Structures are given as structure tokens and as C-alpha cells.
């Protein structure tokens, strides 16, 4: 499949774990994105303990011709990883890829829709 410059890619960026089952929910989000928009180019990326790394995932999309990438941190809040590690990784990668537009979204846990969903799940109203 040929990708055009108009295609937007998505990177789901999570912490990572040695336990291979830990990746299942992150990969489920990627699968759901693909089912909602089959033309989507979605890659999971991890800070540590799993592959691919964020730079490798970004490179994969850029190599496929994607020139606009949305990065969704799958973290509950704005902790050290999203406040310090993520911006550092993004700035390093962007310095060598000035033609690729990156949108780094707020951490997933800061989205009101997710907060509402989790409250409904906790109350048994899902």
C-alpha cells in the first residue's frame, strides 16, 4: 500500500514491561483505531523494556511516507515520563526530521472522556 503525505500516523506511546501480556491493552487500542479507520497507520512504542522504542516507531512511520504523526502517551498523568522523557525524545527526533509534523497529545488519563468512562466502569454503568 502506498501512503501519501496526507496520511496521518498514530503512535501509542506507553511505558513498557518485561511481561509480554502487559502490551495487550496497548495493542488493543491500536487494533481498535485500525478498525475505526482502516487506512490508519498505527504503531505502538515503548519507553523501556519493550520494542519498538519511540524513535524507532516514529522512523517506521516516516519511512512509510507519513508526514504528520500524532503521539498519544498512554499514561494516566503528567509524571516524569510525560513531562521530561517524552519531550526529550521528541525534540531529538524532530531535530533530524524537520519535515515531519508531530502532534504530542496530552496523556490519556488527562482526557475527560477517559475519566468519565472509568468512573462509569467503576460504578458498573458501562
Protein backbone atom coordinates (compact mmCIF):
# COMPACT_ATOMS: atom_id res chain seq x y z
CA UNK A 1 0.00 0.00 0.00
CA UNK A 2 1.35 3.41 -0.91
CA UNK A 3 0.99 6.18 1.64
CA UNK A 4 0.70 9.83 0.76
CA UNK A 5 1.84 12.92 2.60
CA UNK A 6 -1.82 13.47 3.56
CA UNK A 7 -1.92 10.33 5.70
CA UNK A 8 -1.65 10.87 9.43
CA UNK A 9 0.07 8.26 11.52
CA UNK A 10 -0.53 7.47 15.17
CA UNK A 11 1.97 6.33 17.77
CA UNK A 12 0.63 4.93 21.02
CA UNK A 13 3.45 5.57 23.48
CA UNK A 14 3.46 3.54 26.70
CA UNK A 15 5.92 2.69 29.45
CA UNK A 16 6.73 -0.94 28.67
CA UNK A 17 7.18 -4.06 30.78
CA UNK A 18 9.12 -7.32 30.77
CA UNK A 19 5.78 -9.16 30.90
CA UNK A 20 4.65 -9.72 27.29
CA UNK A 21 0.99 -9.73 28.35
CA UNK A 22 1.36 -6.14 29.55
CA UNK A 23 1.33 -4.97 25.91
CA UNK A 24 -2.12 -6.45 25.22
CA UNK A 25 -4.20 -3.36 26.15
CA UNK A 26 -1.95 -1.02 24.17
CA UNK A 27 -2.13 -3.27 21.13
CA UNK A 28 -5.92 -3.49 21.59
CA UNK A 29 -6.13 0.30 21.29
CA UNK A 30 -4.08 0.13 18.08
CA UNK A 31 -6.37 -2.57 16.73
CA UNK A 32 -9.44 -0.51 17.58
CA UNK A 33 -8.00 2.53 15.79
CA UNK A 34 -7.42 0.38 12.70
CA UNK A 35 -11.00 -0.93 12.85
CA UNK A 36 -12.40 2.59 13.13
CA UNK A 37 -10.21 3.88 10.31
CA UNK A 38 -8.73 1.04 8.23
CA UNK A 39 -6.34 3.35 6.39
CA UNK A 40 -4.70 4.39 9.68
CA UNK A 41 -1.03 3.78 10.17
CA UNK A 42 -0.71 2.94 13.88
CA UNK A 43 2.41 1.85 15.75
CA UNK A 44 2.84 1.05 19.43
CA UNK A 45 6.03 2.38 21.04
CA UNK A 46 7.57 1.95 24.45
CA UNK A 47 9.80 3.95 26.75
CA UNK A 48 11.64 0.90 28.05
CA UNK A 49 11.63 -2.89 28.33
CA UNK A 50 9.72 -3.38 25.03
CA UNK A 51 10.31 -2.69 21.38
CA UNK A 52 9.96 -0.61 19.35
CA UNK A 53 11.26 2.49 21.04
CA UNK A 54 9.55 5.81 20.32
CA UNK A 55 12.29 6.95 17.90
CA UNK A 56 12.08 3.61 16.06
CA UNK A 57 8.28 3.83 15.79
CA UNK A 58 8.46 7.40 14.51
CA UNK A 59 11.11 6.36 12.00
CA UNK A 60 8.93 3.48 10.80
CA UNK A 61 6.08 5.87 10.01
CA UNK A 62 8.34 8.50 8.44
CA UNK A 63 9.99 5.84 6.25
CA UNK A 64 6.49 4.83 5.09
CA UNK A 65 5.97 8.40 3.89
CA UNK A 66 3.87 9.65 6.79
CA UNK A 67 4.47 13.37 7.27
CA UNK A 68 2.03 14.04 10.12
CA UNK A 69 2.17 11.92 13.26
CA UNK A 70 0.01 12.11 16.38
CA UNK A 71 1.63 10.71 19.54
CA UNK A 72 -0.75 9.60 22.28
CA UNK A 73 1.01 8.92 25.59
CA UNK A 74 -0.78 6.01 27.28
CA UNK A 75 -0.08 7.31 30.77
CA UNK A 76 -2.58 8.39 33.43
CA UNK A 77 -0.97 11.70 34.22
CA UNK A 78 1.74 14.23 33.59
CA UNK A 79 4.52 12.50 35.51
CA UNK A 80 8.25 12.46 34.87
CA UNK A 81 7.96 10.27 31.77
CA UNK A 82 5.49 12.60 30.03
CA UNK A 83 6.92 15.82 31.46
CA UNK A 84 10.63 15.11 30.84
CA UNK A 85 11.41 11.87 28.98
CA UNK A 86 8.84 12.27 26.20
CA UNK A 87 9.72 15.90 25.29
CA UNK A 88 13.41 14.97 25.22
CA UNK A 89 12.80 12.02 22.86
CA UNK A 90 10.52 14.14 20.66
CA UNK A 91 12.94 17.07 20.38
CA UNK A 92 15.83 14.76 19.49
CA UNK A 93 13.82 13.03 16.77
CA UNK A 94 12.34 16.26 15.38
CA UNK A 95 15.80 17.80 15.04
CA UNK A 96 16.67 15.22 12.40
CA UNK A 97 13.19 15.14 10.78
CA UNK A 98 12.13 18.78 10.31
CA UNK A 99 9.68 17.92 7.52
CA UNK A 100 7.54 15.63 9.70
CA UNK A 101 4.84 17.32 11.77
CA UNK A 102 4.39 15.81 15.24
CA UNK A 103 1.42 16.46 17.49
CA UNK A 104 2.01 15.21 21.02
CA UNK A 105 -1.33 14.79 22.74
CA UNK A 106 -1.90 15.09 26.48
CA UNK A 107 -1.53 11.84 28.45
CA UNK A 108 -4.56 9.57 28.02
CA UNK A 109 -5.51 9.91 31.68
CA UNK A 110 -5.97 13.65 31.29
CA UNK A 111 -8.77 13.29 28.73
CA UNK A 112 -12.19 13.92 30.27
CA UNK A 113 -13.76 11.16 28.17
CA UNK A 114 -11.45 8.54 29.68
CA UNK A 115 -12.07 9.83 33.20
CA UNK A 116 -15.82 9.60 32.58
CA UNK A 117 -15.53 6.10 31.10
CA UNK A 118 -13.50 4.81 34.05
CA UNK A 119 -15.99 6.32 36.51
CA UNK A 120 -18.82 4.53 34.69
CA UNK A 121 -16.88 1.24 34.71
CA UNK A 122 -16.23 1.59 38.45
CA UNK A 123 -19.95 2.18 39.06
CA UNK A 124 -20.96 -0.74 36.86
CA UNK A 125 -22.61 1.55 34.31
CA UNK A 126 -20.62 0.54 31.27
